[in-house]
Amino acid sequence: MFESHVIIGHIGDVRNNEEHKLVSISVAVRQGNEPPVWWEIALWNDKQEVLDKLNAEKGSLVAAQVFGVHAYAYLDDEGKPQASLRAAVHMLKILTPKTPDNTRVRRA
């Protein structure tokens, strides 16, 4: 048995690693002017293929069921401390609709 969470947000970046893909997801927090919470999720094996087949790209809205959540601290490009949450993916679904020519609708 393991703890899992469902996150819904927009893809910010996709990076390839030797063993897996790392996908950054921005999840909006609607409390005042709070900045979004950034998640970095790891896609292993067949989950990588799903992302490729679904033609997900930066800005695509996704839902992910994740597990193994842990916090990650780092310094941004300006040297300011930042944090994100990291997790592995159990299930991934692209929520951004496709257009008739089979491309994704882009977020404005």
N, C-alpha and C. Protein backbone atom coordinates (compact mmCIF):
# COMPACT_ATOMS: atom_id res chain seq x y z
N MET A 1 0.85 -1.18 0.00
CA MET A 1 0.00 0.00 0.00
C MET A 1 0.89 1.24 0.00
N PHE A 2 0.48 2.26 -0.74
CA PHE A 2 1.25 3.48 -0.77
C PHE A 2 0.32 4.68 -0.82
N GLU A 3 0.85 5.81 -0.45
CA GLU A 3 0.09 7.06 -0.50
C GLU A 3 0.17 7.63 -1.90
N SER A 4 -0.96 8.11 -2.41
CA SER A 4 -0.93 8.72 -3.74
C SER A 4 -1.69 10.04 -3.71
N HIS A 5 -1.37 10.89 -4.67
CA HIS A 5 -1.99 12.21 -4.81
C HIS A 5 -2.36 12.39 -6.27
N VAL A 6 -3.39 13.18 -6.52
CA VAL A 6 -3.74 13.55 -7.88
C VAL A 6 -3.45 15.04 -8.02
N ILE A 7 -2.66 15.37 -9.04
CA ILE A 7 -2.37 16.77 -9.32
C ILE A 7 -2.87 17.11 -10.72
N ILE A 8 -3.33 18.33 -10.87
CA ILE A 8 -3.79 18.82 -12.17
C ILE A 8 -3.10 20.15 -12.41
N GLY A 9 -2.41 20.26 -13.54
CA GLY A 9 -1.70 21.49 -13.84
C GLY A 9 -1.19 21.48 -15.27
N HIS A 10 -0.41 22.50 -15.59
CA HIS A 10 0.12 22.66 -16.94
C HIS A 10 1.59 22.26 -17.01
N ILE A 11 1.96 21.57 -18.09
CA ILE A 11 3.35 21.18 -18.29
C ILE A 11 4.19 22.43 -18.52
N GLY A 12 5.31 22.51 -17.79
CA GLY A 12 6.22 23.63 -17.97
C GLY A 12 7.45 23.24 -18.76
N ASP A 13 7.92 22.03 -18.55
CA ASP A 13 9.17 21.59 -19.18
C ASP A 13 9.20 20.07 -19.20
N VAL A 14 9.83 19.51 -20.22
CA VAL A 14 10.04 18.06 -20.30
C VAL A 14 11.52 17.84 -20.57
N ARG A 15 12.18 17.08 -19.69
CA ARG A 15 13.60 16.79 -19.85
C ARG A 15 13.81 15.28 -19.90
N ASN A 16 14.68 14.86 -20.80
CA ASN A 16 15.01 13.44 -20.91
C ASN A 16 16.22 13.11 -20.06
N ASN A 17 16.12 12.05 -19.31
CA ASN A 17 17.21 11.51 -18.53
C ASN A 17 17.55 10.17 -19.18
N GLU A 18 18.64 9.56 -18.80
CA GLU A 18 18.99 8.26 -19.39
C GLU A 18 17.94 7.20 -19.10
N GLU A 19 17.33 7.25 -17.92
CA GLU A 19 16.41 6.20 -17.51
C GLU A 19 14.94 6.61 -17.55
N HIS A 20 14.67 7.90 -17.53
CA HIS A 20 13.28 8.36 -17.45
C HIS A 20 13.16 9.79 -17.96
N LYS A 21 11.90 10.27 -18.03
CA LYS A 21 11.64 11.66 -18.38
C LYS A 21 11.25 12.40 -17.11
N LEU A 22 11.68 13.64 -16.99
CA LEU A 22 11.26 14.50 -15.89
C LEU A 22 10.35 15.58 -16.47
N VAL A 23 9.16 15.71 -15.92
CA VAL A 23 8.18 16.67 -16.40
C VAL A 23 7.86 17.64 -15.27
N SER A 24 8.01 18.94 -15.53
CA SER A 24 7.62 19.97 -14.56
C SER A 24 6.16 20.32 -14.79
N ILE A 25 5.40 20.38 -13.71
CA ILE A 25 3.98 20.72 -13.80
C ILE A 25 3.69 21.86 -12.82
N SER A 26 3.07 22.92 -13.34
CA SER A 26 2.68 24.08 -12.55
C SER A 26 1.25 23.90 -12.08
N VAL A 27 1.04 23.90 -10.76
CA VAL A 27 -0.29 23.76 -10.20
C VAL A 27 -0.66 25.08 -9.52
N ALA A 28 -1.71 25.73 -10.02
CA ALA A 28 -2.12 27.03 -9.50
C ALA A 28 -2.74 26.87 -8.11
N VAL A 29 -2.37 27.78 -7.23
CA VAL A 29 -2.95 27.85 -5.89
C VAL A 29 -3.78 29.13 -5.86
N ARG A 30 -5.07 29.00 -5.70
CA ARG A 30 -5.96 30.16 -5.80
C ARG A 30 -6.21 30.82 -4.44
N GLN A 31 -5.16 31.28 -3.80
CA GLN A 31 -5.28 31.99 -2.54
C GLN A 31 -4.50 33.28 -2.65
N GLY A 32 -5.18 34.36 -2.99
CA GLY A 32 -4.51 35.64 -3.14
C GLY A 32 -3.58 35.63 -4.33
N ASN A 33 -2.39 36.15 -4.15
CA ASN A 33 -1.39 36.22 -5.22
C ASN A 33 -0.32 35.16 -5.07
N GLU A 34 -0.66 34.03 -4.50
CA GLU A 34 0.31 32.96 -4.30
C GLU A 34 0.85 32.47 -5.64
N PRO A 35 2.16 32.24 -5.72
CA PRO A 35 2.72 31.68 -6.96
C PRO A 35 2.30 30.22 -7.09
N PRO A 36 2.41 29.66 -8.29
CA PRO A 36 2.04 28.26 -8.46
C PRO A 36 3.00 27.33 -7.71
N VAL A 37 2.51 26.15 -7.40
CA VAL A 37 3.35 25.10 -6.83
C VAL A 37 3.89 24.29 -7.99
N TRP A 38 5.21 24.11 -8.03
CA TRP A 38 5.83 23.33 -9.11
C TRP A 38 6.08 21.90 -8.65
N TRP A 39 5.65 20.96 -9.46
CA TRP A 39 5.90 19.54 -9.25
C TRP A 39 6.86 19.07 -10.33
N GLU A 40 7.76 18.20 -9.97
CA GLU A 40 8.61 17.54 -10.95
C GLU A 40 8.30 16.05 -10.85
N ILE A 41 7.72 15.51 -11.92
CA ILE A 41 7.31 14.12 -11.88
C ILE A 41 8.19 13.29 -12.80
N ALA A 42 8.46 12.08 -12.38
CA ALA A 42 9.31 11.16 -13.15
C ALA A 42 8.43 10.15 -13.87
N LEU A 43 8.66 10.02 -15.17
CA LEU A 43 7.95 9.04 -15.99
C LEU A 43 8.92 7.93 -16.35
N TRP A 44 8.61 6.71 -15.97
CA TRP A 44 9.46 5.56 -16.21
C TRP A 44 8.85 4.65 -17.26
N ASN A 45 9.66 3.97 -18.02
CA ASN A 45 9.26 2.90 -18.95
C ASN A 45 8.07 3.27 -19.82
N ASP A 46 6.95 2.53 -19.67
CA ASP A 46 5.80 2.74 -20.54
C ASP A 46 5.15 4.11 -20.36
N LYS A 47 5.34 4.76 -19.21
CA LYS A 47 4.77 6.09 -18.98
C LYS A 47 5.44 7.12 -19.90
N GLN A 48 6.73 6.91 -20.21
CA GLN A 48 7.41 7.80 -21.15
C GLN A 48 6.77 7.72 -22.52
N GLU A 49 6.47 6.50 -22.95
CA GLU A 49 5.87 6.27 -24.26
C GLU A 49 4.48 6.91 -24.34
N VAL A 50 3.73 6.86 -23.24
CA VAL A 50 2.40 7.47 -23.21
C VAL A 50 2.51 8.97 -23.46
N LEU A 51 3.45 9.62 -22.81
CA LEU A 51 3.64 11.06 -22.99
C LEU A 51 3.96 11.38 -24.45
N ASP A 52 4.81 10.59 -25.08
CA ASP A 52 5.17 10.81 -26.48
C ASP A 52 3.98 10.58 -27.40
N LYS A 53 3.24 9.50 -27.19
CA LYS A 53 2.10 9.17 -28.05
C LYS A 53 0.98 10.20 -27.94
N LEU A 54 0.81 10.78 -26.76
CA LEU A 54 -0.27 11.75 -26.55
C LEU A 54 0.10 13.15 -27.03
N ASN A 55 1.33 13.32 -27.54
CA ASN A 55 1.75 14.59 -28.09
C ASN A 55 1.65 15.72 -27.07
N ALA A 56 1.98 15.43 -25.81
CA ALA A 56 1.95 16.46 -24.77
C ALA A 56 3.11 17.42 -24.98
N GLU A 57 2.86 18.68 -24.71
CA GLU A 57 3.89 19.69 -24.89
C GLU A 57 3.74 20.76 -23.81
N LYS A 58 4.65 21.70 -23.80
CA LYS A 58 4.60 22.80 -22.83
C LYS A 58 3.25 23.48 -22.92
N GLY A 59 2.62 23.68 -21.77
CA GLY A 59 1.31 24.32 -21.71
C GLY A 59 0.15 23.36 -21.68
N SER A 60 0.37 22.08 -22.03
CA SER A 60 -0.71 21.09 -22.00
C SER A 60 -1.21 20.89 -20.57
N LEU A 61 -2.52 20.81 -20.42
CA LEU A 61 -3.12 20.54 -19.12
C LEU A 61 -3.11 19.04 -18.89
N VAL A 62 -2.60 18.61 -17.75
CA VAL A 62 -2.50 17.18 -17.44
C VAL A 62 -3.02 16.88 -16.04
N ALA A 63 -3.45 15.64 -15.86
CA ALA A 63 -3.78 15.11 -14.54
C ALA A 63 -2.83 13.95 -14.30
N ALA A 64 -2.25 13.89 -13.12
CA ALA A 64 -1.32 12.81 -12.81
C ALA A 64 -1.60 12.26 -11.42
N GLN A 65 -1.65 10.95 -11.33
CA GLN A 65 -1.69 10.30 -10.03
C GLN A 65 -0.25 9.97 -9.69
N VAL A 66 0.24 10.51 -8.57
CA VAL A 66 1.65 10.38 -8.22
C VAL A 66 1.82 9.73 -6.86
N PHE A 67 3.02 9.20 -6.63
CA PHE A 67 3.36 8.60 -5.33
C PHE A 67 4.83 8.88 -5.03
N GLY A 68 5.24 8.60 -3.82
CA GLY A 68 6.64 8.84 -3.44
C GLY A 68 6.99 10.32 -3.41
N VAL A 69 6.08 11.14 -2.91
CA VAL A 69 6.26 12.59 -2.91
C VAL A 69 7.33 13.00 -1.91
N HIS A 70 8.23 13.89 -2.36
CA HIS A 70 9.21 14.48 -1.45
C HIS A 70 9.55 15.90 -1.93
N ALA A 71 9.98 16.73 -0.99
CA ALA A 71 10.32 18.12 -1.30
C ALA A 71 11.75 18.21 -1.82
N TYR A 72 11.98 19.18 -2.69
CA TYR A 72 13.29 19.39 -3.30
C TYR A 72 13.60 20.88 -3.25
N ALA A 73 14.71 21.26 -2.64
CA ALA A 73 15.13 22.66 -2.55
C ALA A 73 16.27 22.92 -3.53
N TYR A 74 16.26 24.11 -4.13
CA TYR A 74 17.30 24.47 -5.10
C TYR A 74 17.41 25.99 -5.18
N LEU A 75 18.44 26.47 -5.86
CA LEU A 75 18.61 27.90 -6.12
C LEU A 75 18.24 28.18 -7.57
N ASP A 76 17.45 29.23 -7.80
CA ASP A 76 17.07 29.57 -9.17
C ASP A 76 18.21 30.29 -9.88
N ASP A 77 17.98 30.74 -11.11
CA ASP A 77 19.02 31.38 -11.91
C ASP A 77 19.57 32.65 -11.27
N GLU A 78 18.78 33.29 -10.40
CA GLU A 78 19.21 34.51 -9.71
C GLU A 78 19.81 34.21 -8.33
N GLY A 79 19.93 32.93 -7.99
CA GLY A 79 20.51 32.55 -6.71
C GLY A 79 19.52 32.57 -5.55
N LYS A 80 18.24 32.72 -5.84
CA LYS A 80 17.22 32.76 -4.78
C LYS A 80 16.77 31.33 -4.47
N PRO A 81 16.55 31.04 -3.18
CA PRO A 81 16.09 29.69 -2.82
C PRO A 81 14.68 29.42 -3.33
N GLN A 82 14.46 28.24 -3.86
CA GLN A 82 13.17 27.81 -4.37
C GLN A 82 12.91 26.38 -3.89
N ALA A 83 11.70 25.93 -4.07
CA ALA A 83 11.36 24.55 -3.71
C ALA A 83 10.34 24.00 -4.69
N SER A 84 10.36 22.71 -4.90
CA SER A 84 9.35 22.04 -5.69
C SER A 84 9.07 20.69 -5.04
N LEU A 85 8.06 20.02 -5.53
CA LEU A 85 7.73 18.70 -5.04
C LEU A 85 8.06 17.69 -6.14
N ARG A 86 8.65 16.58 -5.76
CA ARG A 86 9.01 15.54 -6.72
C ARG A 86 8.22 14.28 -6.41
N ALA A 87 7.89 13.54 -7.47
CA ALA A 87 7.12 12.31 -7.29
C ALA A 87 7.26 11.45 -8.53
N ALA A 88 6.89 10.19 -8.41
CA ALA A 88 6.84 9.26 -9.54
C ALA A 88 5.39 9.14 -9.98
N VAL A 89 5.18 8.86 -11.26
CA VAL A 89 3.83 8.80 -11.82
C VAL A 89 3.30 7.38 -11.86
N HIS A 90 2.07 7.25 -11.40
CA HIS A 90 1.35 5.98 -11.54
C HIS A 90 0.43 6.04 -12.76
N MET A 91 -0.25 7.20 -12.96
CA MET A 91 -1.18 7.37 -14.07
C MET A 91 -1.04 8.80 -14.57
N LEU A 92 -1.11 8.96 -15.90
CA LEU A 92 -1.02 10.29 -16.51
C LEU A 92 -2.10 10.42 -17.57
N LYS A 93 -2.81 11.54 -17.55
CA LYS A 93 -3.85 11.79 -18.55
C LYS A 93 -3.70 13.22 -19.04
N ILE A 94 -3.73 13.39 -20.36
CA ILE A 94 -3.67 14.72 -20.97
C ILE A 94 -5.09 15.26 -21.03
N LEU A 95 -5.32 16.45 -20.49
CA LEU A 95 -6.66 17.04 -20.46
C LEU A 95 -6.86 18.11 -21.53
N THR A 96 -5.78 18.57 -22.15
CA THR A 96 -5.89 19.57 -23.21
C THR A 96 -6.52 18.93 -24.43
N PRO A 97 -7.61 19.51 -24.94
CA PRO A 97 -8.27 18.89 -26.11
C PRO A 97 -7.45 19.01 -27.39
N LYS A 98 -7.74 18.13 -28.33
CA LYS A 98 -7.09 18.16 -29.64
C LYS A 98 -7.96 18.92 -30.63
N THR A 99 -7.32 19.53 -31.62
CA THR A 99 -8.03 20.20 -32.71
C THR A 99 -8.31 19.16 -33.80
N PRO A 100 -9.11 19.50 -34.81
CA PRO A 100 -9.39 18.55 -35.89
C PRO A 100 -8.15 18.01 -36.61
N ASP A 101 -7.05 18.81 -36.64
CA ASP A 101 -5.84 18.33 -37.31
C ASP A 101 -4.94 17.53 -36.37
N ASN A 102 -5.51 17.10 -35.21
CA ASN A 102 -4.84 16.21 -34.26
C ASN A 102 -3.69 16.88 -33.50
N THR A 103 -3.72 18.21 -33.38
CA THR A 103 -2.75 18.93 -32.55
C THR A 103 -3.46 19.37 -31.28
N ARG A 104 -2.70 19.76 -30.28
CA ARG A 104 -3.28 20.19 -29.02
C ARG A 104 -3.65 21.68 -29.06
N VAL A 105 -4.74 22.02 -28.39
CA VAL A 105 -5.14 23.42 -28.25
C VAL A 105 -4.14 24.06 -27.32
N ARG A 106 -3.58 25.18 -27.70
CA ARG A 106 -2.57 25.85 -26.89
C ARG A 106 -3.22 26.82 -25.93
N ARG A 107 -2.66 26.89 -24.73
CA ARG A 107 -3.15 27.80 -23.71
C ARG A 107 -2.75 29.22 -24.06
N ALA A 108 -3.64 30.16 -23.90
CA ALA A 108 -3.35 31.57 -24.22
C ALA A 108 -2.46 32.20 -23.18
